Amino acid sequence: MNKMLEINDFLNKLSASNIFYRLNKVRSEAIMVEVAVPGQRWEIEFMDDGTIEIEKFISDGAMYDVAELEVLFKEFSD
């Protein structure tokens, strides 16, 4: 099956299921579909060679106040 049809079928199924997604391109050999559901974010990459890679980010439910923004800049700035 054509890879674009597979991706399109997947996107249509997400839409029909009312699951939020957006498209992104991080690597030259892949199209990424970013899916957001309560407590989780999925990165699904459709690779040129036909493989599909999925990485899931799952929240532990912890919430932080504005002070946590300092941690963001302290730990991740160049």
PDB file of N, CA and C in Angstrom:
ATOM      1  N   MET A   1       0.847  -1.192   0.000  1.00  0.00           N
ATOM      2  CA  MET A   1       0.000   0.000   0.000  1.00  0.00           C
ATOM      3  C   MET A   1       0.885   1.245   0.000  1.00  0.00           C
ATOM      4  N   ASN A   2       0.447   2.253  -0.682  1.00  0.00           N
ATOM      5  CA  ASN A   2       1.152   3.527  -0.740  1.00  0.00           C
ATOM      6  C   ASN A   2       1.255   4.136   0.657  1.00  0.00           C
ATOM      7  N   LYS A   3       2.475   4.597   1.021  1.00  0.00           N
ATOM      8  CA  LYS A   3       2.700   5.151   2.363  1.00  0.00           C
ATOM      9  C   LYS A   3       1.805   6.343   2.662  1.00  0.00           C
ATOM     10  N   MET A   4       1.590   7.209   1.671  1.00  0.00           N
ATOM     11  CA  MET A   4       0.740   8.374   1.893  1.00  0.00           C
ATOM     12  C   MET A   4      -0.689   7.954   2.207  1.00  0.00           C
ATOM     13  N   LEU A   5      -1.157   6.896   1.568  1.00  0.00           N
ATOM     14  CA  LEU A   5      -2.494   6.408   1.874  1.00  0.00           C
ATOM     15  C   LEU A   5      -2.551   5.897   3.304  1.00  0.00           C
ATOM     16  N   GLU A   6      -1.502   5.225   3.761  1.00  0.00           N
ATOM     17  CA  GLU A   6      -1.480   4.724   5.134  1.00  0.00           C
ATOM     18  C   GLU A   6      -1.535   5.887   6.123  1.00  0.00           C
ATOM     19  N   ILE A   7      -0.736   6.910   5.890  1.00  0.00           N
ATOM     20  CA  ILE A   7      -0.738   8.079   6.769  1.00  0.00           C
ATOM     21  C   ILE A   7      -2.100   8.751   6.709  1.00  0.00           C
ATOM     22  N   ASN A   8      -2.636   8.917   5.493  1.00  0.00           N
ATOM     23  CA  ASN A   8      -3.936   9.562   5.348  1.00  0.00           C
ATOM     24  C   ASN A   8      -5.029   8.759   6.045  1.00  0.00           C
ATOM     25  N   ASP A   9      -5.013   7.450   5.913  1.00  0.00           N
ATOM     26  CA  ASP A   9      -5.994   6.606   6.611  1.00  0.00           C
ATOM     27  C   ASP A   9      -5.881   6.796   8.121  1.00  0.00           C
ATOM     28  N   PHE A  10      -4.660   6.844   8.624  1.00  0.00           N
ATOM     29  CA  PHE A  10      -4.422   7.042  10.051  1.00  0.00           C
ATOM     30  C   PHE A  10      -4.973   8.389  10.510  1.00  0.00           C
ATOM     31  N   LEU A  11      -4.677   9.453   9.746  1.00  0.00           N
ATOM     32  CA  LEU A  11      -5.167  10.784  10.096  1.00  0.00           C
ATOM     33  C   LEU A  11      -6.692  10.845  10.054  1.00  0.00           C
ATOM     34  N   ASN A  12      -7.280  10.199   9.064  1.00  0.00           N
ATOM     35  CA  ASN A  12      -8.739  10.156   8.979  1.00  0.00           C
ATOM     36  C   ASN A  12      -9.341   9.438  10.180  1.00  0.00           C
ATOM     37  N   LYS A  13      -8.691   8.375  10.626  1.00  0.00           N
ATOM     38  CA  LYS A  13      -9.189   7.641  11.790  1.00  0.00           C
ATOM     39  C   LYS A  13      -9.078   8.502  13.053  1.00  0.00           C
ATOM     40  N   LEU A  14      -7.967   9.243  13.201  1.00  0.00           N
ATOM     41  CA  LEU A  14      -7.837  10.167  14.332  1.00  0.00           C
ATOM     42  C   LEU A  14      -8.956  11.204  14.309  1.00  0.00           C
ATOM     43  N   SER A  15      -9.191  11.788  13.148  1.00  0.00           N
ATOM     44  CA  SER A  15     -10.245  12.800  13.017  1.00  0.00           C
ATOM     45  C   SER A  15     -11.612  12.224  13.342  1.00  0.00           C
ATOM     46  N   ALA A  16     -11.900  11.043  12.811  1.00  0.00           N
ATOM     47  CA  ALA A  16     -13.197  10.411  13.062  1.00  0.00           C
ATOM     48  C   ALA A  16     -13.382  10.080  14.536  1.00  0.00           C
ATOM     49  N   SER A  17     -12.277   9.857  15.240  1.00  0.00           N
ATOM     50  CA  SER A  17     -12.320   9.529  16.669  1.00  0.00           C
ATOM     51  C   SER A  17     -12.228  10.760  17.554  1.00  0.00           C
ATOM     52  N   ASN A  18     -12.203  11.948  16.927  1.00  0.00           N
ATOM     53  CA  ASN A  18     -12.071  13.223  17.656  1.00  0.00           C
ATOM     54  C   ASN A  18     -10.831  13.255  18.547  1.00  0.00           C
ATOM     55  N   ILE A  19      -9.725  12.730  18.031  1.00  0.00           N
ATOM     56  CA  ILE A  19      -8.439  12.758  18.736  1.00  0.00           C
ATOM     57  C   ILE A  19      -7.601  13.875  18.117  1.00  0.00           C
ATOM     58  N   PHE A  20      -7.154  14.818  18.961  1.00  0.00           N
ATOM     59  CA  PHE A  20      -6.369  15.957  18.483  1.00  0.00           C
ATOM     60  C   PHE A  20      -5.005  15.488  17.986  1.00  0.00           C
ATOM     61  N   TYR A  21      -4.584  16.032  16.853  1.00  0.00           N
ATOM     62  CA  TYR A  21      -3.248  15.750  16.320  1.00  0.00           C
ATOM     63  C   TYR A  21      -2.763  16.950  15.524  1.00  0.00           C
ATOM     64  N   ARG A  22      -1.460  16.962  15.313  1.00  0.00           N
ATOM     65  CA  ARG A  22      -0.867  17.917  14.383  1.00  0.00           C
ATOM     66  C   ARG A  22       0.306  17.235  13.706  1.00  0.00           C
ATOM     67  N   LEU A  23       0.641  17.722  12.534  1.00  0.00           N
ATOM     68  CA  LEU A  23       1.755  17.169  11.760  1.00  0.00           C
ATOM     69  C   LEU A  23       3.009  17.982  12.020  1.00  0.00           C
ATOM     70  N   ASN A  24       4.138  17.283  12.004  1.00  0.00           N
ATOM     71  CA  ASN A  24       5.416  17.929  12.225  1.00  0.00           C
ATOM     72  C   ASN A  24       6.459  17.188  11.400  1.00  0.00           C
ATOM     73  N   LYS A  25       7.587  17.823  11.179  1.00  0.00           N
ATOM     74  CA  LYS A  25       8.687  17.198  10.443  1.00  0.00           C
ATOM     75  C   LYS A  25       9.968  17.533  11.187  1.00  0.00           C
ATOM     76  N   VAL A  26      10.545  16.532  11.854  1.00  0.00           N
ATOM     77  CA  VAL A  26      11.751  16.719  12.637  1.00  0.00           C
ATOM     78  C   VAL A  26      12.946  16.096  11.919  1.00  0.00           C
ATOM     79  N   ARG A  27      12.730  14.938  11.320  1.00  0.00           N
ATOM     80  CA  ARG A  27      13.793  14.244  10.587  1.00  0.00           C
ATOM     81  C   ARG A  27      13.451  14.225   9.101  1.00  0.00           C
ATOM     82  N   SER A  28      14.470  14.304   8.264  1.00  0.00           N
ATOM     83  CA  SER A  28      14.233  14.354   6.821  1.00  0.00           C
ATOM     84  C   SER A  28      13.582  13.084   6.293  1.00  0.00           C
ATOM     85  N   GLU A  29      13.760  11.971   6.982  1.00  0.00           N
ATOM     86  CA  GLU A  29      13.250  10.687   6.497  1.00  0.00           C
ATOM     87  C   GLU A  29      11.911  10.297   7.111  1.00  0.00           C
ATOM     88  N   ALA A  30      11.210  11.249   7.745  1.00  0.00           N
ATOM     89  CA  ALA A  30       9.973  10.881   8.424  1.00  0.00           C
ATOM     90  C   ALA A  30       8.967  12.025   8.474  1.00  0.00           C
ATOM     91  N   ILE A  31       7.701  11.657   8.582  1.00  0.00           N
ATOM     92  CA  ILE A  31       6.623  12.587   8.886  1.00  0.00           C
ATOM     93  C   ILE A  31       6.134  12.225  10.276  1.00  0.00           C
ATOM     94  N   MET A  32       6.057  13.230  11.158  1.00  0.00           N
ATOM     95  CA  MET A  32       5.628  12.985  12.528  1.00  0.00           C
ATOM     96  C   MET A  32       4.174  13.420  12.714  1.00  0.00           C
ATOM     97  N   VAL A  33       3.419  12.568  13.397  1.00  0.00           N
ATOM     98  CA  VAL A  33       2.078  12.916  13.834  1.00  0.00           C
ATOM     99  C   VAL A  33       2.150  13.023  15.351  1.00  0.00           C
ATOM    100  N   GLU A  34       1.880  14.217  15.870  1.00  0.00           N
ATOM    101  CA  GLU A  34       1.874  14.439  17.316  1.00  0.00           C
ATOM    102  C   GLU A  34       0.422  14.348  17.789  1.00  0.00           C
ATOM    103  N   VAL A  35       0.184  13.442  18.725  1.00  0.00           N
ATOM    104  CA  VAL A  35      -1.164  13.202  19.235  1.00  0.00           C
ATOM    105  C   VAL A  35      -1.210  13.622  20.696  1.00  0.00           C
ATOM    106  N   ALA A  36      -2.260  14.362  21.052  1.00  0.00           N
ATOM    107  CA  ALA A  36      -2.436  14.785  22.439  1.00  0.00           C
ATOM    108  C   ALA A  36      -3.744  14.220  22.967  1.00  0.00           C
ATOM    109  N   VAL A  37      -3.631  13.438  24.023  1.00  0.00           N
ATOM    110  CA  VAL A  37      -4.794  12.905  24.732  1.00  0.00           C
ATOM    111  C   VAL A  37      -4.580  13.207  26.213  1.00  0.00           C
ATOM    112  N   PRO A  38      -5.626  13.170  27.026  1.00  0.00           N
ATOM    113  CA  PRO A  38      -5.459  13.524  28.433  1.00  0.00           C
ATOM    114  C   PRO A  38      -4.331  12.738  29.114  1.00  0.00           C
ATOM    115  N   GLY A  39      -3.351  13.472  29.645  1.00  0.00           N
ATOM    116  CA  GLY A  39      -2.252  12.872  30.382  1.00  0.00           C
ATOM    117  C   GLY A  39      -1.163  12.236  29.540  1.00  0.00           C
ATOM    118  N   GLN A  40      -1.293  12.314  28.220  1.00  0.00           N
ATOM    119  CA  GLN A  40      -0.293  11.694  27.352  1.00  0.00           C
ATOM    120  C   GLN A  40      -0.080  12.529  26.095  1.00  0.00           C
ATOM    121  N   ARG A  41       1.128  12.405  25.568  1.00  0.00           N
ATOM    122  CA  ARG A  41       1.465  12.958  24.256  1.00  0.00           C
ATOM    123  C   ARG A  41       2.210  11.868  23.506  1.00  0.00           C
ATOM    124  N   TRP A  42       1.787  11.606  22.306  1.00  0.00           N
ATOM    125  CA  TRP A  42       2.409  10.570  21.474  1.00  0.00           C
ATOM    126  C   TRP A  42       3.088  11.229  20.275  1.00  0.00           C
ATOM    127  N   GLU A  43       4.280  10.753  19.933  1.00  0.00           N
ATOM    128  CA  GLU A  43       4.955  11.149  18.702  1.00  0.00           C
ATOM    129  C   GLU A  43       5.034   9.902  17.839  1.00  0.00           C
ATOM    130  N   ILE A  44       4.346   9.921  16.710  1.00  0.00           N
ATOM    131  CA  ILE A  44       4.274   8.772  15.809  1.00  0.00           C
ATOM    132  C   ILE A  44       4.941   9.193  14.512  1.00  0.00           C
ATOM    133  N   GLU A  45       6.048   8.524  14.173  1.00  0.00           N
ATOM    134  CA  GLU A  45       6.783   8.880  12.963  1.00  0.00           C
ATOM    135  C   GLU A  45       6.641   7.796  11.912  1.00  0.00           C
ATOM    136  N   PHE A  46       6.199   8.222  10.734  1.00  0.00           N
ATOM    137  CA  PHE A  46       6.092   7.357   9.565  1.00  0.00           C
ATOM    138  C   PHE A  46       7.372   7.539   8.756  1.00  0.00           C
ATOM    139  N   MET A  47       8.210   6.505   8.744  1.00  0.00           N
ATOM    140  CA  MET A  47       9.534   6.580   8.132  1.00  0.00           C
ATOM    141  C   MET A  47       9.470   6.275   6.632  1.00  0.00           C
ATOM    142  N   ASP A  48      10.467   6.792   5.884  1.00  0.00           N
ATOM    143  CA  ASP A  48      10.570   6.533   4.452  1.00  0.00           C
ATOM    144  C   ASP A  48      10.594   5.041   4.122  1.00  0.00           C
ATOM    145  N   ASP A  49      11.210   4.244   4.985  1.00  0.00           N
ATOM    146  CA  ASP A  49      11.345   2.808   4.684  1.00  0.00           C
ATOM    147  C   ASP A  49      10.100   2.002   5.055  1.00  0.00           C
ATOM    148  N   GLY A  50       9.037   2.702   5.488  1.00  0.00           N
ATOM    149  CA  GLY A  50       7.789   2.024   5.800  1.00  0.00           C
ATOM    150  C   GLY A  50       7.590   1.692   7.268  1.00  0.00           C
ATOM    151  N   THR A  51       8.637   1.834   8.070  1.00  0.00           N
ATOM    152  CA  THR A  51       8.482   1.550   9.494  1.00  0.00           C
ATOM    153  C   THR A  51       7.769   2.710  10.188  1.00  0.00           C
ATOM    154  N   ILE A  52       7.210   2.412  11.327  1.00  0.00           N
ATOM    155  CA  ILE A  52       6.538   3.409  12.150  1.00  0.00           C
ATOM    156  C   ILE A  52       7.156   3.348  13.535  1.00  0.00           C
ATOM    157  N   GLU A  53       7.597   4.505  14.027  1.00  0.00           N
ATOM    158  CA  GLU A  53       8.175   4.603  15.367  1.00  0.00           C
ATOM    159  C   GLU A  53       7.238   5.411  16.242  1.00  0.00           C
ATOM    160  N   ILE A  54       6.994   4.926  17.459  1.00  0.00           N
ATOM    161  CA  ILE A  54       6.076   5.593  18.387  1.00  0.00           C
ATOM    162  C   ILE A  54       6.796   5.836  19.702  1.00  0.00           C
ATOM    163  N   GLU A  55       6.744   7.089  20.157  1.00  0.00           N
ATOM    164  CA  GLU A  55       7.266   7.430  21.477  1.00  0.00           C
ATOM    165  C   GLU A  55       6.123   8.062  22.254  1.00  0.00           C
ATOM    166  N   LYS A  56       5.910   7.587  23.488  1.00  0.00           N
ATOM    167  CA  LYS A  56       4.826   8.084  24.330  1.00  0.00           C
ATOM    168  C   LYS A  56       5.399   8.810  25.540  1.00  0.00           C
ATOM    169  N   PHE A  57       4.827   9.973  25.828  1.00  0.00           N
ATOM    170  CA  PHE A  57       5.187  10.763  26.995  1.00  0.00           C
ATOM    171  C   PHE A  57       3.968  10.771  27.898  1.00  0.00           C
ATOM    172  N   ILE A  58       4.106  10.194  29.088  1.00  0.00           N
ATOM    173  CA  ILE A  58       2.973  10.013  29.984  1.00  0.00           C
ATOM    174  C   ILE A  58       3.177  10.845  31.243  1.00  0.00           C
ATOM    175  N   SER A  59       2.196  11.637  31.576  1.00  0.00           N
ATOM    176  CA  SER A  59       2.254  12.516  32.741  1.00  0.00           C
ATOM    177  C   SER A  59       1.977  11.739  34.019  1.00  0.00           C
ATOM    178  N   ASP A  60       2.662  12.122  35.086  1.00  0.00           N
ATOM    179  CA  ASP A  60       2.390  11.518  36.389  1.00  0.00           C
ATOM    180  C   ASP A  60       1.313  12.295  37.138  1.00  0.00           C
ATOM    181  N   GLY A  61       0.772  13.334  36.493  1.00  0.00           N
ATOM    182  CA  GLY A  61      -0.298  14.116  37.090  1.00  0.00           C
ATOM    183  C   GLY A  61       0.171  15.271  37.959  1.00  0.00           C
ATOM    184  N   ALA A  62       1.485  15.403  38.157  1.00  0.00           N
ATOM    185  CA  ALA A  62       2.009  16.486  38.989  1.00  0.00           C
ATOM    186  C   ALA A  62       1.784  17.827  38.292  1.00  0.00           C
ATOM    187  N   MET A  63       1.405  18.831  39.086  1.00  0.00           N
ATOM    188  CA  MET A  63       1.219  20.192  38.585  1.00  0.00           C
ATOM    189  C   MET A  63       2.221  21.095  39.297  1.00  0.00           C
ATOM    190  N   TYR A  64       2.688  22.120  38.581  1.00  0.00           N
ATOM    191  CA  TYR A  64       3.705  23.015  39.121  1.00  0.00           C
ATOM    192  C   TYR A  64       3.229  24.452  39.023  1.00  0.00           C
ATOM    193  N   ASP A  65       3.811  25.319  39.855  1.00  0.00           N
ATOM    194  CA  ASP A  65       3.470  26.728  39.771  1.00  0.00           C
ATOM    195  C   ASP A  65       4.488  27.442  38.878  1.00  0.00           C
ATOM    196  N   VAL A  66       4.352  28.743  38.763  1.00  0.00           N
ATOM    197  CA  VAL A  66       5.169  29.544  37.861  1.00  0.00           C
ATOM    198  C   VAL A  66       6.665  29.444  38.170  1.00  0.00           C
ATOM    199  N   ALA A  67       7.025  29.138  39.408  1.00  0.00           N
ATOM    200  CA  ALA A  67       8.440  29.018  39.778  1.00  0.00           C
ATOM    201  C   ALA A  67       9.151  27.931  38.960  1.00  0.00           C
ATOM    202  N   GLU A  68       8.413  26.976  38.465  1.00  0.00           N
ATOM    203  CA  GLU A  68       9.015  25.888  37.679  1.00  0.00           C
ATOM    204  C   GLU A  68       9.604  26.400  36.366  1.00  0.00           C
ATOM    205  N   LEU A  69       9.148  27.558  35.900  1.00  0.00           N
ATOM    206  CA  LEU A  69       9.707  28.115  34.665  1.00  0.00           C
ATOM    207  C   LEU A  69      11.189  28.423  34.821  1.00  0.00           C
ATOM    208  N   GLU A  70      11.621  28.794  36.013  1.00  0.00           N
ATOM    209  CA  GLU A  70      13.042  29.027  36.261  1.00  0.00           C
ATOM    210  C   GLU A  70      13.847  27.745  36.065  1.00  0.00           C
ATOM    211  N   VAL A  71      13.291  26.621  36.458  1.00  0.00           N
ATOM    212  CA  VAL A  71      13.950  25.321  36.257  1.00  0.00           C
ATOM    213  C   VAL A  71      14.127  25.071  34.766  1.00  0.00           C
ATOM    214  N   LEU A  72      13.104  25.385  33.988  1.00  0.00           N
ATOM    215  CA  LEU A  72      13.179  25.208  32.536  1.00  0.00           C
ATOM    216  C   LEU A  72      14.393  25.936  31.958  1.00  0.00           C
ATOM    217  N   PHE A  73      14.539  27.203  32.304  1.00  0.00           N
ATOM    218  CA  PHE A  73      15.640  27.989  31.745  1.00  0.00           C
ATOM    219  C   PHE A  73      16.990  27.608  32.356  1.00  0.00           C
ATOM    220  N   LYS A  74      17.015  27.282  33.618  1.00  0.00           N
ATOM    221  CA  LYS A  74      18.263  26.914  34.277  1.00  0.00           C
ATOM    222  C   LYS A  74      18.822  25.594  33.718  1.00  0.00           C
ATOM    223  N   GLU A  75      17.966  24.624  33.505  1.00  0.00           N
ATOM    224  CA  GLU A  75      18.425  23.295  33.101  1.00  0.00           C
ATOM    225  C   GLU A  75      18.553  23.094  31.600  1.00  0.00           C
ATOM    226  N   PHE A  76      17.877  23.923  30.797  1.00  0.00           N
ATOM    227  CA  PHE A  76      17.841  23.619  29.371  1.00  0.00           C
ATOM    228  C   PHE A  76      18.332  24.751  28.459  1.00  0.00           C
ATOM    229  N   SER A  77      18.811  25.862  29.018  1.00  0.00           N
ATOM    230  CA  SER A  77      19.369  26.926  28.191  1.00  0.00           C
ATOM    231  C   SER A  77      20.816  26.617  27.852  1.00  0.00           C
ATOM    232  N   ASP A  78      21.229  27.059  26.701  1.00  0.00           N
ATOM    233  CA  ASP A  78      22.631  26.867  26.290  1.00  0.00           C
ATOM    234  C   ASP A  78      23.557  27.803  27.004  1.00  0.00           C
TER     235      ASP A  78
END
